[in-house]
Amino acid sequence: MNDGVNGVALAVFIFFFVLVTAMGFLAARWRKAANEHSLDEWGLGGRSFGTWVTWFLLGGDLYTAYTFVAVPAAIYAAGAAGFFAVPYTILVYPLIFTFLPRLWSVSHKHGYVTTSDFVRGRFGSKGLSLAVAVTGILATMPYIALQLVGIQAVLDVMGVGGGEDTNWFVKDLPLLIAFGVLAAYTYSSGLRAPALIAFVKDTLIYLVIAVAIIYIPIKLGGFDDIFAKASEAYSETNPATGAPRGSLVPGEAGQWTYATLALGSALALFMYPHSITATLSSRSREVIRRNTTLLPLYSLMLGLLALLGFMAIAAGVEVSNGQLAIPQLFENMFPAWFAGVAFAAIGIGALVPAAIMSIAAANLFTRNIYKDFIKPDATPAQETKVSKVVSLLVKVGALAFVLTMDKTVAINFQLLGGIWILQTFPALVGGLFTRWFHRWALLAGWAVGMVYGTVAAYGVASPTQKHFGGSSGEIPGIGEIGYIGLTAFVINALVTIGLTFVLKAFKAPEGIDETRPQDYTADAGAPVVSTELPLDTADTADTADTADTADTAADGKH
């Protein structure tokens, strides 16, 4: 790593940071509505975003520092096993095409702001709603922490904050400043801030990737040399394990882990509160459908980003913390000014999702804890005020993850969140298609999955310590079981199904379902909130979409 501060790169980074900060505060005036002091306005942008804005918002929401830092770092450290993130983003879009339009419709009809709102209305259970809300908040914190790790990695490579021996406050001061700015404009502008900044973020990322995937291989002698050097490096023995460092192709022993990581991550991705928040901000279900067909373009970008891990090895990048590999590659290979652009892309790529995540977690607390259990008569203005304050507290919780947990394998932050959030899948996705599951059975399955997943994750060792966030585990006598989150989900589902049969046999009381079958397919009708923007003609036409008719026909179990 280079000594001293990279002044040119830092200046470019600061320029873009100041630019997006200004945009974050000015976003409060963007599409401003009369009822600005409501959770629909602050937390969902007035539910008015069309296809273009939603595409950038979802892209900014889903493709994060995890994409730019953690995935290439995993490939740098272990090889092709890190590519599980590419197939999982391909698997996820057909999945969400089937259920997100239904969630949008029922949420639009009943004014639901969070997934917990839907679960409470569908199953008539505040207890189950509380479980989903707490899980969402908990799972979001390590994901926000991963974004802060990305910012910290960029600052470290630029030489800002000092070395490892520097006083912890001085070392983390730049991160604290970035954290404070993020908190301030999120508090001020709500979801409109990351929606507006996402345009800058995605433009920078596509620019950097287009340059990197052409420029760096030319400097390194082409992809043949890159893969040859990477293969040679992976064949070296890892002193900690006595096994090879990694491989260009997953070995037979690792294929099950690879597959379960991909499938489990795909099932978990749109369970996260921030994914749902970005979805519900759309003005129609047709916008959701369009975006599920357009978002795979980001998967192409992710595949190219993953190759940077191989390039870092071929370029001779040597770092003790794998999260620094890609920022260091950029500093070594690019002119200082363009390295600053690349660093800004990573930094802004972390700020946008961190803002959305904190807003989503705050909405969960306000609607499903504060209003349901603390102040049922809270006004819309009071709800918005509480959400703003909680969005700050969630960021503090995420900062605690960054400052106290092992960051050498930061991808585990995301995998840990996936273990937890996947346990809400039966209640949310199951509830969108059937009312058969019993509310108590769903709650019991959730509890078993959460306990198993948390204990199993804590038992997985990182390179330096035992910590929450392992990706795979082993059950004595059974062998390798793959991604802990998927195993916990299967246990959860089995408990839920089994108990549902038992509870129905004993005629246990079921909650009241406030939804109707047509609520899941409608796109027309009175909107939840007023908006100055007319609906697209394609949005209105979606009401008669044949897929909607098929949805209605499949709703026999409502």
Protein backbone atom coordinates (compact mmCIF):
# COMPACT_ATOMS: atom_id res chain seq x y z
CA MET A 1 0.00 0.00 0.00
CA ASN A 2 1.23 3.46 -0.85
CA ASP A 3 2.46 5.67 1.95
CA GLY A 4 0.96 9.09 2.63
CA VAL A 5 -2.19 10.73 1.31
CA ASN A 6 -3.11 10.49 -2.37
CA GLY A 7 -3.92 14.18 -2.69
CA VAL A 8 -5.29 14.19 -6.24
CA ALA A 9 -7.54 11.19 -5.67
CA LEU A 10 -8.70 12.64 -2.37
CA ALA A 11 -9.57 15.97 -4.02
CA VAL A 12 -11.67 14.25 -6.70
CA PHE A 13 -13.33 12.09 -4.05
CA ILE A 14 -14.20 15.14 -1.94
CA PHE A 15 -15.62 16.93 -5.00
CA PHE A 16 -18.09 14.13 -5.69
CA PHE A 17 -18.83 13.68 -2.00
CA VAL A 18 -19.74 17.37 -1.67
CA LEU A 19 -21.80 17.14 -4.88
CA VAL A 20 -23.95 14.25 -3.66
CA THR A 21 -24.25 15.82 -0.21
CA ALA A 22 -25.70 18.96 -1.79
CA MET A 23 -28.02 16.81 -3.90
CA GLY A 24 -29.09 14.95 -0.77
CA PHE A 25 -30.24 18.12 0.96
CA LEU A 26 -31.79 19.63 -2.19
CA ALA A 27 -33.76 16.42 -2.73
CA ALA A 28 -36.16 17.56 0.00
CA ARG A 29 -37.59 20.00 -2.59
CA TRP A 30 -37.78 17.41 -5.39
CA ARG A 31 -41.39 16.38 -6.14
CA LYS A 32 -42.42 18.01 -2.87
CA ALA A 33 -46.06 17.32 -1.98
CA ALA A 34 -48.55 19.16 0.20
CA ASN A 35 -48.64 16.37 2.80
CA GLU A 36 -44.86 16.33 3.24
CA HIS A 37 -45.04 15.51 6.96
CA SER A 38 -46.20 11.93 6.46
CA LEU A 39 -44.46 8.60 6.33
CA ASP A 40 -45.65 8.06 2.75
CA GLU A 41 -43.78 11.20 1.69
CA TRP A 42 -40.62 10.91 3.80
CA GLY A 43 -40.27 7.13 3.76
CA LEU A 44 -41.69 6.24 0.32
CA GLY A 45 -41.14 9.39 -1.73
CA GLY A 46 -44.89 9.87 -2.11
CA ARG A 47 -45.22 6.50 -3.89
CA SER A 48 -44.75 8.47 -7.12
CA PHE A 49 -41.60 7.11 -8.79
CA GLY A 50 -41.91 5.87 -12.37
CA THR A 51 -39.88 3.27 -14.27
CA TRP A 52 -36.76 5.39 -14.78
CA VAL A 53 -36.38 6.61 -11.19
CA THR A 54 -37.32 3.21 -9.75
CA TRP A 55 -34.70 1.45 -11.89
CA PHE A 56 -31.95 3.69 -10.58
CA LEU A 57 -33.31 3.52 -7.03
CA LEU A 58 -33.51 -0.28 -6.99
CA GLY A 59 -30.09 -0.51 -8.63
CA GLY A 60 -28.65 1.88 -6.07
CA ASP A 61 -30.42 -0.11 -3.39
CA LEU A 62 -29.32 -3.62 -4.40
CA TYR A 63 -25.86 -3.06 -5.92
CA THR A 64 -23.86 -1.68 -3.05
CA ALA A 65 -20.44 -1.78 -1.41
CA TYR A 66 -21.19 -5.51 -1.23
CA THR A 67 -20.94 -5.49 -5.02
CA PHE A 68 -17.95 -3.22 -5.43
CA VAL A 69 -15.86 -4.32 -2.45
CA ALA A 70 -17.02 -7.52 -0.73
CA VAL A 71 -17.65 -9.78 -3.76
CA PRO A 72 -14.34 -9.04 -5.55
CA ALA A 73 -12.61 -9.31 -2.16
CA ALA A 74 -14.07 -12.79 -1.67
CA ILE A 75 -12.79 -13.80 -5.12
CA TYR A 76 -9.40 -12.25 -4.35
CA ALA A 77 -9.20 -14.31 -1.17
CA ALA A 78 -10.77 -17.64 -2.19
CA GLY A 79 -11.34 -17.76 -5.93
CA ALA A 80 -14.41 -18.68 -7.93
CA ALA A 81 -16.48 -19.50 -4.85
CA GLY A 82 -17.10 -15.77 -4.58
CA PHE A 83 -18.96 -15.84 -7.90
CA PHE A 84 -22.06 -17.20 -6.14
CA ALA A 85 -23.30 -13.58 -6.11
CA VAL A 86 -23.65 -13.59 -9.91
CA PRO A 87 -26.09 -16.53 -10.30
CA TYR A 88 -28.10 -15.42 -7.28
CA THR A 89 -28.87 -12.06 -8.87
CA ILE A 90 -30.02 -13.95 -11.97
CA LEU A 91 -32.23 -16.30 -9.95
CA VAL A 92 -33.89 -13.50 -8.03
CA TYR A 93 -35.64 -11.63 -10.86
CA PRO A 94 -38.08 -14.36 -11.99
CA LEU A 95 -38.84 -14.90 -8.31
CA ILE A 96 -39.68 -11.29 -7.57
CA PHE A 97 -41.67 -10.95 -10.82
CA THR A 98 -44.19 -13.36 -9.29
CA PHE A 99 -44.70 -11.71 -5.91
CA LEU A 100 -43.62 -8.05 -5.89
CA PRO A 101 -46.50 -6.81 -8.09
CA ARG A 102 -48.92 -8.54 -5.72
CA LEU A 103 -47.26 -6.91 -2.71
CA TRP A 104 -47.39 -3.51 -4.40
CA SER A 105 -51.10 -3.87 -5.17
CA VAL A 106 -52.21 -4.89 -1.69
CA SER A 107 -49.95 -2.28 -0.08
CA HIS A 108 -51.32 0.42 -2.41
CA LYS A 109 -54.88 -0.61 -1.56
CA HIS A 110 -54.46 -0.65 2.22
CA GLY A 111 -51.75 1.97 2.73
CA TYR A 112 -49.12 -0.51 3.92
CA VAL A 113 -45.68 1.05 4.32
CA THR A 114 -43.75 -2.04 5.47
CA THR A 115 -43.84 -5.82 5.11
CA SER A 116 -44.94 -6.03 8.74
CA ASP A 117 -47.98 -3.90 7.90
CA PHE A 118 -48.95 -6.52 5.33
CA VAL A 119 -48.31 -9.47 7.66
CA ARG A 120 -50.43 -7.88 10.40
CA GLY A 121 -53.28 -7.20 7.97
CA ARG A 122 -53.08 -10.60 6.31
CA PHE A 123 -52.87 -12.79 9.40
CA GLY A 124 -54.41 -10.49 12.02
CA SER A 125 -51.41 -10.95 14.30
CA LYS A 126 -49.48 -8.10 15.92
CA GLY A 127 -47.08 -10.66 17.40
CA LEU A 128 -46.10 -12.01 13.98
CA SER A 129 -45.90 -8.47 12.66
CA LEU A 130 -43.56 -7.55 15.52
CA ALA A 131 -41.34 -10.57 14.78
CA VAL A 132 -41.02 -9.53 11.12
CA ALA A 133 -40.26 -5.93 12.10
CA VAL A 134 -37.57 -6.83 14.64
CA THR A 135 -35.98 -9.25 12.16
CA GLY A 136 -35.94 -6.60 9.46
CA ILE A 137 -34.26 -4.04 11.70
CA LEU A 138 -31.74 -6.58 12.98
CA ALA A 139 -30.85 -7.89 9.50
CA THR A 140 -30.44 -4.39 8.12
CA MET A 141 -27.74 -3.30 10.58
CA PRO A 142 -24.91 -5.58 9.36
CA TYR A 143 -25.87 -4.70 5.77
CA ILE A 144 -25.48 -0.99 6.55
CA ALA A 145 -22.24 -1.88 8.30
CA LEU A 146 -21.00 -3.42 5.06
CA GLN A 147 -21.58 -0.10 3.30
CA LEU A 148 -19.54 1.69 5.93
CA VAL A 149 -16.77 -0.89 5.51
CA GLY A 150 -16.67 0.02 1.81
CA ILE A 151 -16.27 3.71 2.62
CA GLN A 152 -13.60 2.92 5.21
CA ALA A 153 -11.65 0.79 2.70
CA VAL A 154 -11.53 3.68 0.23
CA LEU A 155 -10.42 6.13 2.91
CA ASP A 156 -7.70 3.74 4.09
CA VAL A 157 -6.26 3.32 0.59
CA MET A 158 -6.26 7.08 0.03
CA GLY A 159 -4.21 7.41 3.24
CA VAL A 160 -6.89 9.27 5.18
CA GLY A 161 -7.10 8.51 8.89
CA GLY A 162 -3.67 7.00 9.49
CA GLY A 163 -2.43 3.43 9.76
CA GLU A 164 -3.34 0.52 11.95
CA ASP A 165 -1.35 1.90 14.90
CA THR A 166 -3.13 5.25 14.83
CA ASN A 167 -5.45 6.21 17.68
CA TRP A 168 -8.84 4.66 16.91
CA PHE A 169 -10.66 8.00 16.98
CA VAL A 170 -8.25 9.62 14.53
CA LYS A 171 -8.31 6.56 12.28
CA ASP A 172 -12.11 6.40 12.17
CA LEU A 173 -12.74 10.17 12.14
CA PRO A 174 -13.19 10.40 8.32
CA LEU A 175 -15.68 7.52 8.48
CA LEU A 176 -17.53 9.27 11.31
CA ILE A 177 -17.72 12.45 9.23
CA ALA A 178 -19.11 10.57 6.21
CA PHE A 179 -21.54 8.82 8.56
CA GLY A 180 -22.68 12.16 9.98
CA VAL A 181 -23.30 13.67 6.54
CA LEU A 182 -25.26 10.58 5.46
CA ALA A 183 -27.38 10.78 8.61
CA ALA A 184 -28.06 14.51 8.12
CA TYR A 185 -29.37 14.42 4.55
CA THR A 186 -31.34 11.22 5.18
CA TYR A 187 -33.03 12.92 8.13
CA SER A 188 -33.80 15.97 6.01
CA SER A 189 -34.92 14.50 2.69
CA GLY A 190 -35.97 10.90 3.33
CA LEU A 191 -36.15 8.50 0.38
CA ARG A 192 -35.92 11.32 -2.16
CA ALA A 193 -32.23 11.83 -1.27
CA PRO A 194 -30.95 8.37 -2.29
CA ALA A 195 -33.35 8.32 -5.26
CA LEU A 196 -31.76 11.48 -6.65
CA ILE A 197 -28.18 10.53 -5.76
CA ALA A 198 -28.62 7.10 -7.37
CA PHE A 199 -28.36 8.72 -10.79
CA VAL A 200 -24.83 9.93 -9.99
CA LYS A 201 -23.88 6.68 -8.29
CA ASP A 202 -24.89 4.39 -11.16
CA THR A 203 -23.35 6.64 -13.79
CA LEU A 204 -20.01 6.61 -11.97
CA ILE A 205 -20.08 2.86 -11.42
CA TYR A 206 -20.82 2.05 -15.06
CA LEU A 207 -18.08 4.47 -16.15
CA VAL A 208 -15.50 2.95 -13.82
CA ILE A 209 -16.40 -0.62 -14.79
CA ALA A 210 -16.28 0.16 -18.52
CA VAL A 211 -12.80 1.65 -18.12
CA ALA A 212 -11.51 -0.98 -15.68
CA ILE A 213 -12.60 -4.01 -17.71
CA ILE A 214 -10.72 -2.67 -20.77
CA TYR A 215 -7.83 -0.64 -19.36
CA ILE A 216 -6.59 -2.92 -16.57
CA PRO A 217 -6.40 -6.14 -18.66
CA ILE A 218 -4.45 -4.26 -21.34
CA LYS A 219 -1.92 -3.17 -18.73
CA LEU A 220 -1.73 -6.69 -17.29
CA GLY A 221 -1.18 -8.46 -20.62
CA GLY A 222 -4.73 -9.69 -21.27
CA PHE A 223 -7.11 -12.09 -19.58
CA ASP A 224 -4.96 -15.14 -20.40
CA ASP A 225 -2.20 -13.78 -18.18
CA ILE A 226 -4.67 -12.65 -15.53
CA PHE A 227 -6.24 -16.10 -15.17
CA ALA A 228 -2.85 -17.85 -15.33
CA LYS A 229 -1.44 -15.71 -12.50
CA ALA A 230 -4.62 -16.12 -10.45
CA SER A 231 -4.55 -19.91 -10.87
CA GLU A 232 -0.90 -19.99 -9.78
CA ALA A 233 -1.70 -17.87 -6.71
CA TYR A 234 -4.66 -20.04 -5.71
CA SER A 235 -2.53 -23.18 -5.85
CA GLU A 236 -0.36 -21.85 -3.03
CA THR A 237 -1.00 -23.31 0.42
CA ASN A 238 -2.93 -21.27 2.95
CA PRO A 239 -0.81 -21.37 6.16
CA ALA A 240 -3.91 -21.14 8.35
CA THR A 241 -5.65 -24.19 6.87
CA GLY A 242 -2.91 -26.15 5.09
CA ALA A 243 -5.16 -26.29 2.02
CA PRO A 244 -4.83 -24.43 -1.29
CA ARG A 245 -5.81 -20.78 -1.08
CA GLY A 246 -8.62 -21.18 -3.62
CA SER A 247 -9.38 -22.18 -7.19
CA LEU A 248 -10.63 -20.81 -10.49
CA VAL A 249 -13.39 -23.44 -10.46
CA PRO A 250 -15.15 -24.60 -7.27
CA GLY A 251 -14.07 -28.08 -6.29
CA GLU A 252 -16.54 -30.90 -5.79
CA ALA A 253 -16.55 -30.37 -2.04
CA GLY A 254 -17.48 -26.72 -2.44
CA GLN A 255 -20.21 -27.05 -5.07
CA TRP A 256 -23.02 -27.64 -2.56
CA THR A 257 -21.98 -24.60 -0.55
CA TYR A 258 -21.82 -22.56 -3.76
CA ALA A 259 -25.31 -23.65 -4.81
CA THR A 260 -26.91 -23.07 -1.42
CA LEU A 261 -25.28 -19.66 -1.08
CA ALA A 262 -26.71 -18.66 -4.45
CA LEU A 263 -30.22 -20.01 -3.79
CA GLY A 264 -30.41 -18.77 -0.18
CA SER A 265 -29.17 -15.31 -1.12
CA ALA A 266 -31.69 -15.11 -3.98
CA LEU A 267 -34.58 -15.98 -1.65
CA ALA A 268 -33.38 -13.44 0.91
CA LEU A 269 -32.62 -10.43 -1.30
CA PHE A 270 -36.12 -9.01 -1.61
CA MET A 271 -37.06 -9.87 1.95
CA TYR A 272 -34.86 -6.99 3.12
CA PRO A 273 -36.82 -3.90 4.21
CA HIS A 274 -34.85 -1.61 1.90
CA SER A 275 -35.76 -3.69 -1.17
CA ILE A 276 -39.44 -3.48 -0.27
CA THR A 277 -39.22 0.25 0.47
CA ALA A 278 -37.78 0.95 -2.97
CA THR A 279 -40.50 -1.23 -4.49
CA LEU A 280 -43.42 0.42 -2.69
CA SER A 281 -42.18 3.86 -3.75
CA SER A 282 -43.18 2.99 -7.34
CA ARG A 283 -46.35 4.52 -8.75
CA SER A 284 -47.76 1.28 -10.23
CA ARG A 285 -47.32 -2.48 -10.41
CA GLU A 286 -46.40 -2.14 -14.07
CA VAL A 287 -43.33 -0.16 -12.99
CA ILE A 288 -42.30 -3.17 -10.88
CA ARG A 289 -42.71 -5.55 -13.81
CA ARG A 290 -40.70 -3.38 -16.13
CA ASN A 291 -37.90 -3.17 -13.61
CA THR A 292 -37.69 -6.91 -13.08
CA THR A 293 -36.96 -7.19 -16.80
CA LEU A 294 -34.42 -4.34 -16.80
CA LEU A 295 -32.54 -5.00 -13.55
CA PRO A 296 -30.60 -8.01 -14.93
CA LEU A 297 -28.42 -5.42 -16.68
CA TYR A 298 -26.88 -4.92 -13.25
CA SER A 299 -26.04 -8.64 -13.11
CA LEU A 300 -23.82 -8.15 -16.16
CA MET A 301 -22.07 -5.36 -14.29
CA LEU A 302 -21.67 -7.59 -11.24
CA GLY A 303 -20.02 -10.32 -13.30
CA LEU A 304 -17.50 -7.82 -14.63
CA LEU A 305 -16.91 -6.43 -11.15
CA ALA A 306 -16.19 -9.90 -9.82
CA LEU A 307 -13.34 -10.26 -12.33
CA LEU A 308 -11.55 -7.44 -10.52
CA GLY A 309 -10.65 -9.96 -7.82
CA PHE A 310 -8.58 -11.92 -10.35
CA MET A 311 -7.06 -8.70 -11.68
CA ALA A 312 -5.94 -7.68 -8.19
CA ILE A 313 -4.02 -10.95 -7.86
CA ALA A 314 -2.46 -10.59 -11.31
CA ALA A 315 -1.46 -7.00 -10.52
CA GLY A 316 0.43 -8.18 -7.44
CA VAL A 317 -1.82 -6.44 -4.92
CA GLU A 318 -0.85 -7.56 -1.42
CA VAL A 319 -3.16 -6.52 1.43
CA SER A 320 -3.79 -8.01 4.86
CA ASN A 321 -7.46 -7.04 4.67
CA GLY A 322 -9.12 -8.36 1.51
CA GLN A 323 -11.62 -5.47 1.49
CA LEU A 324 -8.74 -3.17 0.49
CA ALA A 325 -7.84 -5.23 -2.59
CA ILE A 326 -10.02 -3.47 -5.17
CA PRO A 327 -9.44 0.10 -3.94
CA GLN A 328 -5.70 -0.67 -3.90
CA LEU A 329 -5.93 -2.11 -7.43
CA PHE A 330 -7.52 1.14 -8.62
CA GLU A 331 -4.84 3.25 -6.96
CA ASN A 332 -2.04 1.12 -8.45
CA MET A 333 -3.44 0.92 -11.98
CA PHE A 334 -5.28 4.18 -12.65
CA PRO A 335 -3.98 7.75 -12.92
CA ALA A 336 -4.55 9.55 -9.62
CA TRP A 337 -7.48 11.61 -10.92
CA PHE A 338 -9.37 8.59 -12.24
CA ALA A 339 -8.58 6.63 -9.09
CA GLY A 340 -10.43 9.43 -7.32
CA VAL A 341 -13.42 8.88 -9.62
CA ALA A 342 -13.33 5.15 -8.85
CA PHE A 343 -13.11 5.81 -5.12
CA ALA A 344 -16.07 8.19 -5.39
CA ALA A 345 -18.06 5.48 -7.19
CA ILE A 346 -17.41 3.07 -4.30
CA GLY A 347 -18.12 5.69 -1.64
CA ILE A 348 -21.35 6.92 -3.22
CA GLY A 349 -22.25 3.31 -4.00
CA ALA A 350 -22.19 2.78 -0.24
CA LEU A 351 -24.01 5.96 0.77
CA VAL A 352 -27.10 5.41 -1.38
CA PRO A 353 -28.09 1.95 -0.06
CA ALA A 354 -27.10 2.88 3.50
CA ALA A 355 -29.60 5.74 3.35
CA ILE A 356 -32.39 3.52 1.98
CA MET A 357 -31.66 0.80 4.53
CA SER A 358 -31.82 3.17 7.48
CA ILE A 359 -35.11 4.65 6.20
CA ALA A 360 -36.62 1.18 5.75
CA ALA A 361 -35.59 0.06 9.24
CA ALA A 362 -36.96 3.28 10.70
CA ASN A 363 -40.30 2.73 8.95
CA LEU A 364 -40.52 -0.74 10.51
CA PHE A 365 -39.93 0.62 14.00
CA THR A 366 -42.39 3.47 13.61
CA ARG A 367 -45.28 1.57 12.04
CA ASN A 368 -44.94 -1.81 13.72
CA ILE A 369 -43.43 -1.11 17.12
CA TYR A 370 -44.07 2.54 18.01
CA LYS A 371 -47.58 2.83 16.57
CA ASP A 372 -48.72 -0.73 17.28
CA PHE A 373 -47.44 -1.01 20.84
CA ILE A 374 -46.41 2.42 22.18
CA LYS A 375 -48.63 5.15 20.69
CA PRO A 376 -51.52 3.77 18.64
CA ASP A 377 -52.99 7.25 18.11
CA ALA A 378 -49.77 8.72 16.62
CA THR A 379 -50.44 11.30 13.93
CA PRO A 380 -48.72 11.11 10.51
CA ALA A 381 -46.45 13.98 11.55
CA GLN A 382 -45.46 12.16 14.75
CA GLU A 383 -44.77 8.97 12.79
CA THR A 384 -42.49 10.85 10.43
CA LYS A 385 -40.62 12.52 13.29
CA VAL A 386 -40.04 9.18 15.04
CA SER A 387 -38.84 7.58 11.80
CA LYS A 388 -36.34 10.37 11.26
CA VAL A 389 -34.86 9.89 14.73
CA VAL A 390 -34.79 6.09 14.46
CA SER A 391 -33.03 6.30 11.08
CA LEU A 392 -30.17 7.95 12.96
CA LEU A 393 -30.14 5.30 15.68
CA VAL A 394 -30.06 2.47 13.12
CA LYS A 395 -26.93 3.98 11.59
CA VAL A 396 -25.34 4.10 15.04
CA GLY A 397 -26.10 0.39 15.47
CA ALA A 398 -24.49 -0.32 12.09
CA LEU A 399 -21.47 1.74 13.10
CA ALA A 400 -21.11 -0.50 16.15
CA PHE A 401 -20.85 -3.52 13.83
CA VAL A 402 -18.08 -1.80 11.88
CA LEU A 403 -16.06 -0.72 14.88
CA THR A 404 -16.35 -3.98 16.86
CA MET A 405 -16.55 -6.90 14.39
CA ASP A 406 -13.93 -8.53 12.22
CA LYS A 407 -13.91 -6.81 8.81
CA THR A 408 -11.41 -9.03 6.97
CA VAL A 409 -14.29 -11.08 5.50
CA ALA A 410 -16.91 -8.33 5.20
CA ILE A 411 -19.14 -10.38 2.90
CA ASN A 412 -20.16 -12.24 6.05
CA PHE A 413 -21.99 -9.09 7.17
CA GLN A 414 -24.39 -9.55 4.27
CA LEU A 415 -24.62 -13.32 4.72
CA LEU A 416 -25.49 -12.84 8.40
CA GLY A 417 -28.30 -10.46 7.50
CA GLY A 418 -29.50 -13.04 4.96
CA ILE A 419 -29.69 -15.75 7.62
CA TRP A 420 -32.05 -13.61 9.66
CA ILE A 421 -34.19 -11.99 6.98
CA LEU A 422 -34.79 -15.31 5.19
CA GLN A 423 -36.86 -16.41 8.20
CA THR A 424 -39.56 -13.90 7.23
CA PHE A 425 -40.06 -15.56 3.82
CA PRO A 426 -42.93 -17.94 4.82
CA ALA A 427 -44.99 -15.13 6.36
CA LEU A 428 -44.41 -12.59 3.59
CA VAL A 429 -44.25 -14.55 0.34
CA GLY A 430 -46.44 -17.36 1.62
CA GLY A 431 -49.02 -14.83 2.76
CA LEU A 432 -49.14 -13.20 -0.66
CA PHE A 433 -50.43 -16.41 -2.23
CA THR A 434 -52.32 -18.27 0.50
CA ARG A 435 -53.96 -17.83 3.89
CA TRP A 436 -53.46 -21.52 4.74
CA PHE A 437 -50.54 -21.06 7.15
CA HIS A 438 -51.59 -20.51 10.75
CA ARG A 439 -50.27 -17.34 12.38
CA TRP A 440 -48.98 -19.19 15.45
CA ALA A 441 -47.24 -21.77 13.29
CA LEU A 442 -45.53 -18.99 11.31
CA LEU A 443 -44.37 -17.41 14.55
CA ALA A 444 -43.03 -20.70 15.88
CA GLY A 445 -41.23 -21.49 12.62
CA TRP A 446 -39.71 -18.01 12.61
CA ALA A 447 -38.45 -18.46 16.19
CA VAL A 448 -36.87 -21.86 15.49
CA GLY A 449 -35.20 -20.61 12.31
CA MET A 450 -33.85 -17.51 14.03
CA VAL A 451 -32.41 -19.42 16.98
CA TYR A 452 -30.83 -22.12 14.83
CA GLY A 453 -29.42 -19.66 12.29
CA THR A 454 -27.96 -17.33 14.93
CA VAL A 455 -26.32 -20.10 16.94
CA ALA A 456 -24.94 -21.80 13.83
CA ALA A 457 -23.57 -18.53 12.46
CA TYR A 458 -21.81 -17.74 15.72
CA GLY A 459 -20.11 -21.11 15.62
CA VAL A 460 -18.37 -20.37 12.33
CA ALA A 461 -14.86 -18.99 12.76
CA SER A 462 -13.48 -16.04 10.83
CA PRO A 463 -9.74 -15.78 10.18
CA THR A 464 -9.25 -14.02 13.51
CA GLN A 465 -12.15 -14.78 15.82
CA LYS A 466 -15.49 -16.47 16.26
CA HIS A 467 -18.20 -14.09 15.17
CA PHE A 468 -21.69 -13.81 13.79
CA GLY A 469 -21.77 -14.04 10.03
CA GLY A 470 -20.43 -17.35 8.82
CA SER A 471 -21.65 -18.56 5.46
CA SER A 472 -21.66 -22.32 5.80
CA GLY A 473 -21.67 -24.84 8.56
CA GLU A 474 -21.61 -28.54 9.33
CA ILE A 475 -23.96 -30.77 11.32
CA PRO A 476 -22.10 -33.66 13.03
CA GLY A 477 -23.01 -36.93 11.35
CA ILE A 478 -24.62 -35.26 8.36
CA GLY A 479 -21.70 -33.45 6.77
CA GLU A 480 -21.47 -30.17 4.94
CA ILE A 481 -24.86 -28.43 4.84
CA GLY A 482 -24.00 -25.28 2.92
CA TYR A 483 -25.43 -21.84 3.62
CA ILE A 484 -26.74 -21.65 7.17
CA GLY A 485 -29.52 -19.27 6.13
CA LEU A 486 -31.03 -21.78 3.72
CA THR A 487 -30.82 -24.61 6.27
CA ALA A 488 -32.54 -22.43 8.88
CA PHE A 489 -35.21 -21.54 6.31
CA VAL A 490 -35.92 -25.22 5.57
CA ILE A 491 -36.25 -25.95 9.30
CA ASN A 492 -38.51 -22.91 9.64
CA ALA A 493 -40.74 -24.10 6.78
CA LEU A 494 -41.02 -27.65 8.17
CA VAL A 495 -42.00 -26.38 11.62
CA THR A 496 -44.53 -23.95 10.08
CA ILE A 497 -46.19 -26.61 7.90
CA GLY A 498 -46.26 -29.25 10.64
CA LEU A 499 -47.71 -26.93 13.28
CA THR A 500 -50.27 -25.56 10.85
CA PHE A 501 -51.71 -29.07 10.41
CA VAL A 502 -51.80 -29.54 14.19
CA LEU A 503 -53.35 -26.14 14.96
CA LYS A 504 -55.99 -26.53 12.27
CA ALA A 505 -56.84 -29.99 13.57
CA PHE A 506 -57.42 -28.46 17.03
CA LYS A 507 -59.31 -25.52 15.46
CA ALA A 508 -57.00 -22.93 17.01
CA PRO A 509 -58.34 -19.40 16.45
CA GLU A 510 -57.03 -17.65 13.35
CA GLY A 511 -56.69 -13.89 12.96
CA ILE A 512 -58.89 -11.76 10.74
CA ASP A 513 -57.70 -11.22 7.18
CA GLU A 514 -58.42 -7.61 6.19
CA THR A 515 -57.44 -8.19 2.55
CA ARG A 516 -59.49 -9.52 -0.37
CA PRO A 517 -58.38 -11.53 -3.44
CA GLN A 518 -58.84 -8.57 -5.79
CA ASP A 519 -56.53 -6.43 -3.63
CA TYR A 520 -53.55 -8.44 -4.89
CA THR A 521 -54.13 -7.84 -8.57
CA ALA A 522 -55.59 -4.35 -8.90
CA ASP A 523 -53.63 -1.44 -10.29
CA ALA A 524 -56.47 1.03 -10.71
CA GLY A 525 -58.64 2.67 -8.09
CA ALA A 526 -58.12 5.45 -5.60
CA PRO A 527 -54.47 5.92 -4.74
CA VAL A 528 -53.27 5.76 -1.17
CA VAL A 529 -51.73 9.20 -1.33
CA SER A 530 -52.39 12.13 -3.62
CA THR A 531 -49.79 12.81 -6.27
CA GLU A 532 -49.34 15.60 -8.79
CA LEU A 533 -48.00 13.16 -11.37
CA PRO A 534 -50.45 11.41 -13.72
CA LEU A 535 -50.28 7.67 -14.05
CA ASP A 536 -48.70 6.34 -17.21
CA THR A 537 -51.16 4.94 -19.73
CA ALA A 538 -49.24 1.67 -19.53
CA ASP A 539 -49.79 1.66 -15.76
CA THR A 540 -53.56 2.00 -16.18
CA ALA A 541 -53.63 -0.61 -18.91
CA ASP A 542 -51.94 -3.05 -16.56
CA THR A 543 -55.25 -3.58 -14.79
CA ALA A 544 -56.39 -5.74 -17.66
CA ASP A 545 -53.10 -7.57 -17.94
CA THR A 546 -53.57 -11.27 -18.50
CA ALA A 547 -51.06 -11.98 -15.75
CA ASP A 548 -53.39 -10.21 -13.33
CA THR A 549 -56.24 -12.43 -14.45
CA ALA A 550 -54.06 -15.46 -13.85
CA ASP A 551 -53.18 -14.11 -10.41
CA THR A 552 -56.86 -13.77 -9.53
CA ALA A 553 -57.57 -17.30 -10.68
CA ALA A 554 -54.78 -18.59 -8.47
CA ASP A 555 -56.23 -16.93 -5.39
CA GLY A 556 -58.60 -19.68 -4.42
CA LYS A 557 -57.05 -20.02 -0.99
CA HIS A 558 -57.64 -16.43 0.10
